[in-house]
N, C-alpha and C. Protein backbone atom coordinates (compact mmCIF):
# COMPACT_ATOMS: atom_id res chain seq x y z
N UNK A 1 6.19 22.08 -4.60
CA UNK A 1 7.36 21.25 -4.30
C UNK A 1 7.40 20.06 -5.24
N UNK A 2 8.55 19.81 -5.84
CA UNK A 2 8.71 18.65 -6.72
C UNK A 2 8.86 17.38 -5.88
N UNK A 3 8.20 16.32 -6.31
CA UNK A 3 8.36 15.06 -5.61
C UNK A 3 9.74 14.44 -5.84
N UNK A 4 10.39 14.86 -6.90
CA UNK A 4 11.69 14.27 -7.24
C UNK A 4 12.76 14.89 -6.36
N UNK A 5 13.26 14.11 -5.40
CA UNK A 5 14.33 14.53 -4.52
C UNK A 5 15.42 13.46 -4.55
N UNK A 6 16.49 13.73 -3.86
CA UNK A 6 17.57 12.74 -3.79
C UNK A 6 17.06 11.44 -3.19
N UNK A 7 16.18 11.55 -2.20
CA UNK A 7 15.68 10.35 -1.53
C UNK A 7 14.68 9.57 -2.38
N UNK A 8 13.96 10.25 -3.26
CA UNK A 8 12.95 9.55 -4.06
C UNK A 8 13.46 9.18 -5.45
N UNK A 9 14.75 9.36 -5.70
CA UNK A 9 15.33 8.97 -6.99
C UNK A 9 16.00 7.61 -6.86
N UNK A 10 15.51 6.58 -7.55
CA UNK A 10 16.11 5.25 -7.45
C UNK A 10 17.57 5.25 -7.90
N UNK A 11 18.36 4.37 -7.32
CA UNK A 11 19.77 4.31 -7.67
C UNK A 11 20.00 3.57 -8.98
N UNK A 12 19.00 2.79 -9.43
CA UNK A 12 19.13 2.06 -10.69
C UNK A 12 17.93 2.33 -11.59
N UNK A 13 18.19 2.53 -12.85
CA UNK A 13 17.18 2.65 -13.90
C UNK A 13 16.14 3.71 -13.59
N UNK A 14 16.59 4.81 -13.01
CA UNK A 14 15.66 5.88 -12.64
C UNK A 14 14.95 6.46 -13.86
N UNK A 15 15.66 6.62 -14.95
CA UNK A 15 15.06 7.22 -16.14
C UNK A 15 13.99 6.33 -16.77
N UNK A 16 14.16 5.02 -16.66
CA UNK A 16 13.20 4.10 -17.26
C UNK A 16 12.03 3.75 -16.35
N UNK A 17 12.26 3.70 -15.05
CA UNK A 17 11.25 3.12 -14.17
C UNK A 17 10.69 4.06 -13.10
N UNK A 18 11.30 5.18 -12.86
CA UNK A 18 10.82 6.09 -11.82
C UNK A 18 9.71 6.99 -12.36
N UNK A 19 8.68 7.20 -11.56
CA UNK A 19 7.54 8.03 -11.94
C UNK A 19 7.14 8.89 -10.75
N UNK A 20 6.75 10.14 -11.04
CA UNK A 20 6.44 11.08 -9.97
C UNK A 20 5.04 11.70 -10.10
N UNK A 21 4.28 11.30 -11.08
CA UNK A 21 2.98 11.91 -11.32
C UNK A 21 1.93 11.41 -10.33
N UNK A 22 0.91 12.26 -10.10
CA UNK A 22 -0.23 11.83 -9.29
C UNK A 22 -0.83 10.55 -9.86
N UNK A 23 -0.98 10.49 -11.16
CA UNK A 23 -1.64 9.36 -11.79
C UNK A 23 -0.97 8.04 -11.43
N UNK A 24 0.34 7.97 -11.56
CA UNK A 24 1.05 6.72 -11.27
C UNK A 24 1.06 6.40 -9.79
N UNK A 25 1.33 7.39 -8.96
CA UNK A 25 1.42 7.15 -7.52
C UNK A 25 0.05 6.82 -6.94
N UNK A 26 -0.96 7.59 -7.29
CA UNK A 26 -2.30 7.35 -6.74
C UNK A 26 -2.86 6.00 -7.17
N UNK A 27 -2.63 5.61 -8.41
CA UNK A 27 -3.16 4.34 -8.91
C UNK A 27 -2.63 3.16 -8.09
N UNK A 28 -1.35 3.18 -7.79
CA UNK A 28 -0.75 2.10 -7.01
C UNK A 28 -1.28 2.12 -5.58
N UNK A 29 -1.32 3.28 -4.97
CA UNK A 29 -1.79 3.38 -3.58
C UNK A 29 -3.25 3.00 -3.45
N UNK A 30 -4.05 3.31 -4.45
CA UNK A 30 -5.48 2.99 -4.38
C UNK A 30 -5.73 1.50 -4.56
N UNK A 31 -4.85 0.81 -5.24
CA UNK A 31 -5.01 -0.64 -5.42
C UNK A 31 -4.47 -1.42 -4.24
N UNK A 32 -3.37 -0.97 -3.67
CA UNK A 32 -2.73 -1.69 -2.57
C UNK A 32 -3.55 -1.59 -1.29
N UNK A 33 -3.60 -2.68 -0.54
CA UNK A 33 -4.32 -2.68 0.73
C UNK A 33 -3.41 -2.42 1.93
N UNK A 34 -2.12 -2.70 1.77
CA UNK A 34 -1.21 -2.63 2.91
C UNK A 34 0.08 -1.90 2.54
N UNK A 35 0.65 -1.25 3.53
CA UNK A 35 1.94 -0.59 3.38
C UNK A 35 2.85 -1.06 4.52
N UNK A 36 4.11 -0.68 4.45
CA UNK A 36 5.05 -0.92 5.54
C UNK A 36 5.66 0.41 5.95
N UNK A 37 5.60 0.72 7.24
CA UNK A 37 6.10 1.98 7.77
C UNK A 37 7.38 1.71 8.55
N UNK A 38 8.46 2.39 8.18
CA UNK A 38 9.75 2.19 8.83
C UNK A 38 10.18 3.48 9.53
N UNK A 39 10.73 3.31 10.73
CA UNK A 39 11.21 4.47 11.49
C UNK A 39 12.29 3.99 12.46
N UNK A 40 12.96 4.93 13.09
CA UNK A 40 14.03 4.61 14.04
C UNK A 40 13.63 5.05 15.44
N UNK A 41 14.02 4.24 16.43
CA UNK A 41 13.75 4.54 17.83
C UNK A 41 14.94 4.07 18.65
N UNK A 42 15.61 4.98 19.36
CA UNK A 42 16.79 4.63 20.15
C UNK A 42 17.85 3.91 19.32
N UNK A 43 18.07 4.43 18.12
CA UNK A 43 19.07 3.88 17.19
C UNK A 43 18.77 2.45 16.74
N UNK A 44 17.50 2.05 16.86
CA UNK A 44 17.08 0.74 16.39
C UNK A 44 16.04 0.92 15.28
N UNK A 45 16.12 0.13 14.20
CA UNK A 45 15.13 0.24 13.14
C UNK A 45 13.86 -0.55 13.48
N UNK A 46 12.72 0.00 13.10
CA UNK A 46 11.44 -0.69 13.25
C UNK A 46 10.69 -0.59 11.93
N UNK A 47 9.95 -1.63 11.61
CA UNK A 47 9.20 -1.67 10.36
C UNK A 47 7.88 -2.38 10.62
N UNK A 48 6.77 -1.68 10.40
CA UNK A 48 5.45 -2.17 10.79
C UNK A 48 4.52 -2.23 9.57
N UNK A 49 3.92 -3.39 9.28
CA UNK A 49 2.90 -3.45 8.22
C UNK A 49 1.59 -2.88 8.71
N UNK A 50 0.84 -2.25 7.81
CA UNK A 50 -0.37 -1.54 8.23
C UNK A 50 -1.31 -1.37 7.04
N UNK A 51 -2.61 -1.47 7.28
CA UNK A 51 -3.58 -1.11 6.24
C UNK A 51 -3.64 0.41 6.14
N UNK A 52 -4.04 0.91 4.98
CA UNK A 52 -4.05 2.36 4.77
C UNK A 52 -5.03 2.70 3.67
N UNK A 53 -5.29 4.00 3.52
CA UNK A 53 -6.13 4.48 2.43
C UNK A 53 -5.61 5.85 2.00
N UNK A 54 -5.75 6.15 0.72
CA UNK A 54 -5.38 7.46 0.22
C UNK A 54 -6.60 8.35 0.10
N UNK A 55 -6.48 9.59 0.59
CA UNK A 55 -7.49 10.63 0.38
C UNK A 55 -6.74 11.87 -0.10
N UNK A 56 -7.04 12.28 -1.32
CA UNK A 56 -6.33 13.40 -1.93
C UNK A 56 -4.83 13.11 -1.93
N UNK A 57 -4.00 14.06 -1.46
CA UNK A 57 -2.55 13.87 -1.53
C UNK A 57 -1.97 13.39 -0.20
N UNK A 58 -2.75 12.57 0.52
CA UNK A 58 -2.30 12.01 1.79
C UNK A 58 -2.68 10.54 1.85
N UNK A 59 -1.92 9.78 2.63
CA UNK A 59 -2.39 8.46 3.01
C UNK A 59 -2.71 8.49 4.51
N UNK A 60 -3.75 7.74 4.88
CA UNK A 60 -4.24 7.71 6.25
C UNK A 60 -4.15 6.29 6.79
N UNK A 61 -3.83 6.19 8.07
CA UNK A 61 -3.90 4.91 8.76
C UNK A 61 -4.47 5.15 10.15
N UNK A 62 -4.87 4.08 10.81
CA UNK A 62 -5.43 4.24 12.14
C UNK A 62 -5.00 3.08 13.03
N UNK A 63 -5.05 3.31 14.33
CA UNK A 63 -4.73 2.29 15.32
C UNK A 63 -5.28 2.74 16.67
N UNK A 64 -5.19 1.87 17.65
CA UNK A 64 -5.67 2.20 18.99
C UNK A 64 -4.89 3.38 19.57
N UNK A 65 -5.60 4.21 20.34
CA UNK A 65 -4.94 5.35 20.98
C UNK A 65 -3.86 4.88 21.96
N UNK A 66 -3.94 3.64 22.42
CA UNK A 66 -2.95 3.13 23.36
C UNK A 66 -1.74 2.50 22.70
N UNK A 67 -1.70 2.52 21.38
CA UNK A 67 -0.61 1.88 20.66
C UNK A 67 0.71 2.64 20.80
N UNK A 68 1.74 1.95 21.25
CA UNK A 68 3.08 2.54 21.33
C UNK A 68 3.55 2.97 19.95
N UNK A 69 3.26 2.14 18.97
CA UNK A 69 3.63 2.41 17.58
C UNK A 69 3.04 3.72 17.09
N UNK A 70 1.76 3.95 17.37
CA UNK A 70 1.09 5.17 16.92
C UNK A 70 1.67 6.40 17.60
N UNK A 71 1.97 6.30 18.88
CA UNK A 71 2.54 7.45 19.58
C UNK A 71 3.87 7.87 18.96
N UNK A 72 4.64 6.91 18.50
CA UNK A 72 5.91 7.23 17.86
C UNK A 72 5.70 7.92 16.52
N UNK A 73 4.65 7.57 15.82
CA UNK A 73 4.41 8.14 14.49
C UNK A 73 3.84 9.55 14.55
N UNK A 74 3.36 9.96 15.71
CA UNK A 74 2.76 11.29 15.81
C UNK A 74 3.67 12.30 16.50
N UNK A 75 4.93 11.93 16.74
CA UNK A 75 5.82 12.86 17.44
C UNK A 75 6.69 13.68 16.49
N UNK A 76 6.42 13.61 15.20
CA UNK A 76 7.13 14.43 14.24
C UNK A 76 8.37 13.82 13.63
N UNK A 77 8.68 12.59 13.97
CA UNK A 77 9.87 11.95 13.42
C UNK A 77 9.66 11.59 11.95
N UNK A 78 10.72 11.55 11.16
CA UNK A 78 10.58 11.14 9.76
C UNK A 78 10.37 9.64 9.65
N UNK A 79 9.55 9.25 8.70
CA UNK A 79 9.31 7.84 8.42
C UNK A 79 9.46 7.58 6.93
N UNK A 80 9.67 6.34 6.60
CA UNK A 80 9.67 5.89 5.20
C UNK A 80 8.56 4.86 5.06
N UNK A 81 7.67 5.08 4.10
CA UNK A 81 6.53 4.20 3.87
C UNK A 81 6.67 3.58 2.49
N UNK A 82 6.52 2.27 2.42
CA UNK A 82 6.66 1.57 1.14
C UNK A 82 5.43 0.73 0.83
N UNK A 83 5.14 0.63 -0.45
CA UNK A 83 4.04 -0.19 -0.96
C UNK A 83 4.56 -0.92 -2.19
N UNK A 84 4.21 -2.20 -2.33
CA UNK A 84 4.59 -2.93 -3.54
C UNK A 84 3.45 -3.83 -3.99
N UNK A 85 3.17 -3.80 -5.28
CA UNK A 85 2.24 -4.71 -5.93
C UNK A 85 3.05 -5.56 -6.90
N UNK A 86 3.06 -6.87 -6.69
CA UNK A 86 3.77 -7.78 -7.60
C UNK A 86 2.77 -8.32 -8.62
N UNK A 87 3.05 -8.14 -9.90
CA UNK A 87 2.13 -8.52 -10.97
C UNK A 87 2.50 -9.83 -11.66
N UNK A 88 3.78 -10.03 -11.96
CA UNK A 88 4.22 -11.22 -12.69
C UNK A 88 5.59 -11.64 -12.21
N UNK A 89 5.82 -12.97 -12.20
CA UNK A 89 7.18 -13.49 -12.14
C UNK A 89 7.71 -13.50 -13.57
N UNK A 90 8.88 -12.95 -13.77
CA UNK A 90 9.46 -12.83 -15.10
C UNK A 90 10.49 -13.95 -15.27
N UNK A 91 10.19 -14.90 -16.15
CA UNK A 91 11.00 -16.10 -16.32
C UNK A 91 11.87 -15.96 -17.56
N UNK A 92 13.16 -15.91 -17.36
CA UNK A 92 14.11 -15.74 -18.46
C UNK A 92 14.82 -17.05 -18.77
N UNK A 93 15.79 -17.01 -19.66
CA UNK A 93 16.55 -18.19 -20.02
C UNK A 93 17.64 -18.51 -19.01
N UNK A 94 17.98 -17.53 -18.17
CA UNK A 94 18.96 -17.75 -17.11
C UNK A 94 18.39 -17.20 -15.81
N UNK A 95 18.85 -17.76 -14.69
CA UNK A 95 18.41 -17.27 -13.39
C UNK A 95 18.83 -15.81 -13.18
N UNK A 96 19.94 -15.44 -13.78
CA UNK A 96 20.44 -14.07 -13.65
C UNK A 96 19.42 -13.05 -14.15
N UNK A 97 18.69 -13.39 -15.20
CA UNK A 97 17.72 -12.46 -15.79
C UNK A 97 16.28 -12.68 -15.31
N UNK A 98 16.07 -13.66 -14.41
CA UNK A 98 14.74 -13.75 -13.80
C UNK A 98 14.45 -12.44 -13.06
N UNK A 99 13.19 -12.04 -13.05
CA UNK A 99 12.84 -10.77 -12.42
C UNK A 99 11.39 -10.81 -11.97
N UNK A 100 10.86 -9.65 -11.63
CA UNK A 100 9.47 -9.49 -11.21
C UNK A 100 8.92 -8.24 -11.87
N UNK A 101 7.74 -8.33 -12.44
CA UNK A 101 7.02 -7.13 -12.86
C UNK A 101 6.28 -6.61 -11.63
N UNK A 102 6.52 -5.37 -11.30
CA UNK A 102 5.99 -4.82 -10.06
C UNK A 102 5.66 -3.34 -10.23
N UNK A 103 4.88 -2.84 -9.27
CA UNK A 103 4.60 -1.41 -9.14
C UNK A 103 4.79 -1.05 -7.67
N UNK A 104 5.61 -0.09 -7.39
CA UNK A 104 5.90 0.24 -6.00
C UNK A 104 5.88 1.75 -5.79
N UNK A 105 5.70 2.13 -4.53
CA UNK A 105 5.75 3.53 -4.14
C UNK A 105 6.59 3.64 -2.87
N UNK A 106 7.45 4.65 -2.83
CA UNK A 106 8.22 4.97 -1.63
C UNK A 106 7.87 6.40 -1.22
N UNK A 107 7.56 6.59 0.06
CA UNK A 107 7.13 7.88 0.58
C UNK A 107 8.01 8.27 1.76
N UNK A 108 8.45 9.51 1.78
CA UNK A 108 9.15 10.07 2.93
C UNK A 108 8.26 11.17 3.51
N UNK A 109 7.96 11.06 4.79
CA UNK A 109 7.01 12.01 5.38
C UNK A 109 7.10 12.00 6.89
N UNK A 110 6.33 12.88 7.52
CA UNK A 110 6.16 12.91 8.97
C UNK A 110 4.67 12.77 9.28
N UNK A 111 4.35 12.04 10.33
CA UNK A 111 2.96 11.80 10.67
C UNK A 111 2.28 13.02 11.26
N UNK A 112 1.01 13.17 10.91
CA UNK A 112 0.19 14.26 11.44
C UNK A 112 -1.09 13.66 12.01
N UNK A 113 -1.28 13.78 13.33
CA UNK A 113 -2.48 13.24 13.95
C UNK A 113 -3.70 14.05 13.56
N UNK A 114 -4.79 13.37 13.25
CA UNK A 114 -6.04 14.03 12.88
C UNK A 114 -6.94 14.09 14.10
N UNK A 115 -7.23 15.29 14.54
CA UNK A 115 -8.08 15.46 15.73
C UNK A 115 -9.49 15.91 15.39
N UNK A 116 -9.69 16.42 14.19
CA UNK A 116 -11.02 16.84 13.77
C UNK A 116 -11.93 15.62 13.65
N UNK A 117 -13.05 15.65 14.36
CA UNK A 117 -13.92 14.49 14.43
C UNK A 117 -14.47 14.07 13.07
N UNK A 118 -14.87 15.03 12.25
CA UNK A 118 -15.43 14.71 10.93
C UNK A 118 -14.38 14.11 10.01
N UNK A 119 -13.15 14.63 10.07
CA UNK A 119 -12.09 14.10 9.23
C UNK A 119 -11.70 12.69 9.66
N UNK A 120 -11.71 12.42 10.97
CA UNK A 120 -11.43 11.07 11.46
C UNK A 120 -12.50 10.11 10.97
N UNK A 121 -13.74 10.51 11.11
CA UNK A 121 -14.86 9.67 10.67
C UNK A 121 -14.75 9.35 9.18
N UNK A 122 -14.45 10.38 8.39
CA UNK A 122 -14.33 10.18 6.95
C UNK A 122 -13.18 9.23 6.62
N UNK A 123 -12.06 9.37 7.33
CA UNK A 123 -10.92 8.48 7.08
C UNK A 123 -11.28 7.04 7.40
N UNK A 124 -11.99 6.79 8.49
CA UNK A 124 -12.41 5.44 8.83
C UNK A 124 -13.36 4.88 7.78
N UNK A 125 -14.28 5.73 7.32
CA UNK A 125 -15.25 5.29 6.32
C UNK A 125 -14.57 4.91 5.00
N UNK A 126 -13.67 5.76 4.53
CA UNK A 126 -13.01 5.50 3.24
C UNK A 126 -12.11 4.27 3.34
N UNK A 127 -11.43 4.09 4.48
CA UNK A 127 -10.60 2.90 4.66
C UNK A 127 -11.45 1.64 4.67
N UNK A 128 -12.56 1.68 5.39
CA UNK A 128 -13.45 0.51 5.45
C UNK A 128 -13.98 0.15 4.07
N UNK A 129 -14.36 1.17 3.31
CA UNK A 129 -14.88 0.92 1.96
C UNK A 129 -13.80 0.39 1.01
N UNK A 130 -12.57 0.77 1.26
CA UNK A 130 -11.47 0.25 0.44
C UNK A 130 -11.24 -1.23 0.76
N UNK A 131 -11.22 -1.56 2.04
CA UNK A 131 -10.93 -2.94 2.44
C UNK A 131 -12.07 -3.89 2.08
N UNK A 132 -13.32 -3.45 2.35
CA UNK A 132 -14.50 -4.28 2.05
C UNK A 132 -15.53 -3.37 1.37
N UNK A 133 -15.44 -3.21 0.05
CA UNK A 133 -16.33 -2.29 -0.66
C UNK A 133 -17.81 -2.57 -0.40
N UNK A 134 -18.56 -1.51 -0.20
CA UNK A 134 -19.99 -1.63 0.01
C UNK A 134 -20.40 -1.97 1.42
N UNK A 135 -19.46 -2.00 2.37
CA UNK A 135 -19.78 -2.49 3.71
C UNK A 135 -20.16 -1.40 4.71
N UNK A 136 -19.76 -0.14 4.48
CA UNK A 136 -19.93 0.88 5.52
C UNK A 136 -21.38 1.06 5.93
N UNK A 137 -22.27 1.21 4.97
CA UNK A 137 -23.68 1.43 5.30
C UNK A 137 -24.36 0.15 5.78
N UNK A 138 -23.75 -1.00 5.52
CA UNK A 138 -24.30 -2.28 5.96
C UNK A 138 -23.99 -2.54 7.44
N UNK A 139 -22.87 -2.05 7.91
CA UNK A 139 -22.40 -2.33 9.26
C UNK A 139 -23.12 -1.49 10.31
N UNK A 140 -23.04 -1.93 11.55
CA UNK A 140 -23.50 -1.11 12.67
C UNK A 140 -22.71 0.20 12.64
N UNK A 141 -23.38 1.35 12.75
CA UNK A 141 -22.69 2.64 12.67
C UNK A 141 -21.58 2.77 13.72
N UNK A 142 -20.51 3.42 13.35
CA UNK A 142 -19.39 3.65 14.25
C UNK A 142 -19.81 4.65 15.33
N UNK A 143 -19.56 4.32 16.57
CA UNK A 143 -19.98 5.19 17.67
C UNK A 143 -18.91 6.24 17.96
N UNK A 144 -19.31 7.28 18.67
CA UNK A 144 -18.35 8.30 19.06
C UNK A 144 -17.28 7.72 19.99
N UNK A 145 -17.68 6.77 20.83
CA UNK A 145 -16.72 6.13 21.72
C UNK A 145 -15.64 5.40 20.92
N UNK A 146 -16.05 4.73 19.86
CA UNK A 146 -15.08 4.02 19.02
C UNK A 146 -14.14 5.00 18.32
N UNK A 147 -14.69 6.11 17.86
CA UNK A 147 -13.86 7.14 17.23
C UNK A 147 -12.83 7.67 18.22
N UNK A 148 -13.27 7.90 19.47
CA UNK A 148 -12.38 8.44 20.49
C UNK A 148 -11.26 7.46 20.86
N UNK A 149 -11.52 6.17 20.71
CA UNK A 149 -10.54 5.15 21.07
C UNK A 149 -9.55 4.85 19.95
N UNK A 150 -9.71 5.55 18.83
CA UNK A 150 -8.88 5.28 17.66
C UNK A 150 -8.14 6.54 17.24
N UNK A 151 -6.87 6.38 16.94
CA UNK A 151 -6.05 7.48 16.43
C UNK A 151 -5.97 7.39 14.92
N UNK A 152 -6.17 8.52 14.26
CA UNK A 152 -6.01 8.60 12.81
C UNK A 152 -4.79 9.46 12.51
N UNK A 153 -3.94 9.00 11.63
CA UNK A 153 -2.72 9.71 11.25
C UNK A 153 -2.68 9.82 9.73
N UNK A 154 -2.19 10.95 9.24
CA UNK A 154 -2.00 11.08 7.80
C UNK A 154 -0.57 11.46 7.48
N UNK A 155 -0.16 11.10 6.25
CA UNK A 155 1.18 11.37 5.76
C UNK A 155 1.07 11.99 4.37
N UNK A 156 1.77 13.08 4.18
CA UNK A 156 1.74 13.76 2.89
C UNK A 156 2.46 12.95 1.82
N UNK A 157 1.99 13.09 0.58
CA UNK A 157 2.64 12.45 -0.56
C UNK A 157 3.50 13.42 -1.35
N UNK A 158 3.89 14.52 -0.71
CA UNK A 158 4.70 15.53 -1.40
C UNK A 158 6.08 14.99 -1.80
N UNK A 159 6.62 14.09 -0.99
CA UNK A 159 7.92 13.50 -1.32
C UNK A 159 7.73 12.00 -1.52
N UNK A 160 7.38 11.63 -2.73
CA UNK A 160 7.08 10.23 -3.04
C UNK A 160 7.44 9.94 -4.48
N UNK A 161 7.71 8.69 -4.75
CA UNK A 161 7.97 8.27 -6.13
C UNK A 161 7.44 6.87 -6.34
N UNK A 162 7.08 6.58 -7.57
CA UNK A 162 6.70 5.23 -7.97
C UNK A 162 7.82 4.64 -8.81
N UNK A 163 7.96 3.33 -8.72
CA UNK A 163 8.90 2.62 -9.59
C UNK A 163 8.16 1.43 -10.18
N UNK A 164 8.23 1.29 -11.48
CA UNK A 164 7.40 0.30 -12.18
C UNK A 164 8.26 -0.50 -13.15
N UNK A 165 8.11 -1.82 -13.11
CA UNK A 165 8.70 -2.68 -14.14
C UNK A 165 7.59 -3.45 -14.82
N UNK A 166 7.55 -3.37 -16.12
CA UNK A 166 6.59 -4.13 -16.92
C UNK A 166 7.33 -4.80 -18.08
N UNK A 167 6.70 -5.84 -18.62
CA UNK A 167 7.24 -6.40 -19.86
C UNK A 167 7.91 -7.74 -19.73
N UNK A 168 8.49 -8.17 -20.83
CA UNK A 168 9.08 -9.50 -20.98
C UNK A 168 10.47 -9.57 -20.34
N UNK A 169 11.00 -10.80 -20.19
CA UNK A 169 12.35 -10.95 -19.66
C UNK A 169 13.41 -10.42 -20.61
N UNK A 170 14.57 -10.15 -20.04
CA UNK A 170 15.72 -9.73 -20.83
C UNK A 170 16.51 -10.96 -21.28
N UNK A 171 17.16 -10.85 -22.44
CA UNK A 171 17.97 -11.95 -22.96
C UNK A 171 19.29 -11.41 -23.50
N UNK A 172 20.32 -12.23 -23.38
CA UNK A 172 21.58 -11.93 -24.03
C UNK A 172 21.58 -12.53 -25.43
N UNK A 173 22.38 -11.97 -26.31
CA UNK A 173 22.43 -12.46 -27.70
C UNK A 173 22.75 -13.94 -27.78
N UNK A 174 23.69 -14.42 -26.96
CA UNK A 174 24.10 -15.82 -27.06
C UNK A 174 23.11 -16.78 -26.41
N UNK A 175 22.00 -16.26 -25.87
CA UNK A 175 20.98 -17.10 -25.26
C UNK A 175 19.78 -17.34 -26.17
N UNK A 176 19.67 -16.59 -27.24
CA UNK A 176 18.44 -16.56 -28.02
C UNK A 176 18.04 -17.92 -28.59
N UNK A 177 19.01 -18.76 -28.92
CA UNK A 177 18.69 -20.06 -29.54
C UNK A 177 18.58 -21.19 -28.53
N UNK A 178 18.72 -20.90 -27.25
CA UNK A 178 18.61 -21.96 -26.24
C UNK A 178 17.15 -22.41 -26.13
N UNK A 179 16.89 -23.74 -26.09
CA UNK A 179 15.51 -24.26 -26.02
C UNK A 179 14.96 -24.19 -24.60
N UNK A 180 14.86 -23.00 -24.06
CA UNK A 180 14.39 -22.78 -22.68
C UNK A 180 13.19 -21.87 -22.73
N UNK A 181 12.09 -22.27 -22.08
CA UNK A 181 10.85 -21.48 -22.09
C UNK A 181 11.06 -20.17 -21.35
N UNK A 182 10.50 -19.12 -21.89
CA UNK A 182 10.56 -17.81 -21.24
C UNK A 182 9.17 -17.16 -21.28
N UNK A 183 8.92 -16.27 -20.36
CA UNK A 183 7.63 -15.58 -20.35
C UNK A 183 7.29 -15.06 -18.97
N UNK A 184 5.98 -14.91 -18.71
CA UNK A 184 5.50 -14.33 -17.47
C UNK A 184 4.56 -15.29 -16.75
N UNK A 185 4.65 -15.32 -15.43
CA UNK A 185 3.72 -16.07 -14.59
C UNK A 185 2.94 -15.04 -13.75
N UNK A 186 1.68 -14.74 -14.11
CA UNK A 186 0.90 -13.75 -13.34
C UNK A 186 0.69 -14.22 -11.91
N UNK A 187 0.81 -13.29 -10.97
CA UNK A 187 0.65 -13.63 -9.55
C UNK A 187 -0.24 -12.63 -8.82
N UNK A 188 -1.12 -11.95 -9.52
CA UNK A 188 -1.98 -10.97 -8.86
C UNK A 188 -2.92 -11.65 -7.86
N UNK A 189 -3.13 -11.05 -6.68
CA UNK A 189 -4.04 -11.62 -5.69
C UNK A 189 -5.49 -11.43 -6.11
N UNK A 190 -6.36 -12.35 -5.67
CA UNK A 190 -7.78 -12.28 -5.99
C UNK A 190 -8.60 -12.42 -4.71
N UNK A 191 -9.69 -11.67 -4.62
CA UNK A 191 -10.62 -11.88 -3.52
C UNK A 191 -11.42 -13.14 -3.81
N UNK A 192 -11.52 -14.02 -2.82
CA UNK A 192 -12.22 -15.28 -3.01
C UNK A 192 -13.52 -15.29 -2.22
N UNK A 193 -14.25 -16.37 -2.36
CA UNK A 193 -15.56 -16.50 -1.71
C UNK A 193 -15.41 -16.35 -0.20
N UNK A 194 -16.19 -15.47 0.44
CA UNK A 194 -16.10 -15.31 1.90
C UNK A 194 -16.46 -16.59 2.64
N UNK A 195 -15.82 -16.80 3.79
CA UNK A 195 -16.06 -17.97 4.64
C UNK A 195 -16.68 -17.48 5.95
N UNK A 196 -17.90 -17.88 6.22
CA UNK A 196 -18.63 -17.39 7.39
C UNK A 196 -18.15 -18.04 8.68
N UNK A 197 -18.21 -17.30 9.78
CA UNK A 197 -18.01 -17.91 11.08
C UNK A 197 -19.36 -18.45 11.56
N UNK A 198 -19.43 -18.89 12.83
CA UNK A 198 -20.66 -19.53 13.31
C UNK A 198 -21.84 -18.56 13.34
N UNK A 199 -21.57 -17.27 13.49
CA UNK A 199 -22.65 -16.29 13.50
C UNK A 199 -23.05 -15.91 12.08
N UNK A 200 -22.05 -15.68 11.24
CA UNK A 200 -22.34 -15.32 9.86
C UNK A 200 -23.04 -16.42 9.08
N UNK A 201 -22.83 -17.67 9.49
CA UNK A 201 -23.45 -18.79 8.79
C UNK A 201 -24.97 -18.78 8.90
N UNK A 202 -25.50 -18.04 9.87
CA UNK A 202 -26.95 -17.98 10.08
C UNK A 202 -27.61 -16.87 9.26
N UNK A 203 -26.80 -16.09 8.54
CA UNK A 203 -27.30 -14.92 7.82
C UNK A 203 -26.92 -15.03 6.35
N UNK A 204 -27.85 -14.75 5.43
CA UNK A 204 -27.50 -14.81 4.00
C UNK A 204 -26.34 -13.88 3.66
N UNK A 205 -25.48 -14.30 2.77
CA UNK A 205 -24.35 -13.49 2.36
C UNK A 205 -24.86 -12.24 1.67
N UNK A 206 -24.50 -11.04 2.15
CA UNK A 206 -24.97 -9.80 1.51
C UNK A 206 -24.35 -9.61 0.13
N UNK A 207 -25.02 -8.87 -0.70
CA UNK A 207 -24.59 -8.69 -2.10
C UNK A 207 -23.17 -8.13 -2.20
N UNK A 208 -22.80 -7.21 -1.29
CA UNK A 208 -21.49 -6.56 -1.43
C UNK A 208 -20.33 -7.52 -1.13
N UNK A 209 -20.62 -8.72 -0.60
CA UNK A 209 -19.57 -9.70 -0.33
C UNK A 209 -19.55 -10.84 -1.36
N UNK A 210 -20.38 -10.73 -2.37
CA UNK A 210 -20.43 -11.78 -3.40
C UNK A 210 -19.45 -11.41 -4.51
N UNK A 211 -18.31 -12.08 -4.52
CA UNK A 211 -17.26 -11.78 -5.49
C UNK A 211 -17.38 -12.71 -6.70
């Protein structure tokens, strides 16, 4: 199945900025920590931010088995999932041409609950390692009770597209000689030094948390 569908084709600049390859889509999803899941319920729109992880051609998320939100995502309804990484503010000579360098992914899919115990465990492990690299083996092992209290859901990436903007600002011919600074302001997020709570302050910072 081709990822390029009517729903995954941007309405603007599709030829220049739309991408459908595993390489482009996976790279963005592997870097991003959070997505937004949108769905409809009783003719009302809902949009929920959520941490996630990609494994092969699926993204996985988890939540409490008692979550109303999770129950809605496992009933087969279609959802739209979006991810965006903002890299630079693009500063032009006019406000009209100000922009953002970004990398985004839009996914259309239906949720599939994971009931296999080993697959659930693996999804939790990979997500934990994505959020805090090197932490899984350091932490107290996840118990079967904790696994049972958590729902894991996956969404296929069969219908997905990436949209990417890179590069300098645009200019009109009559703007070129204006004495106005133009360029890029990088805005990528950075992991900073961890801040211990009252319990963590009593324990040396482990190597995997030293950024």
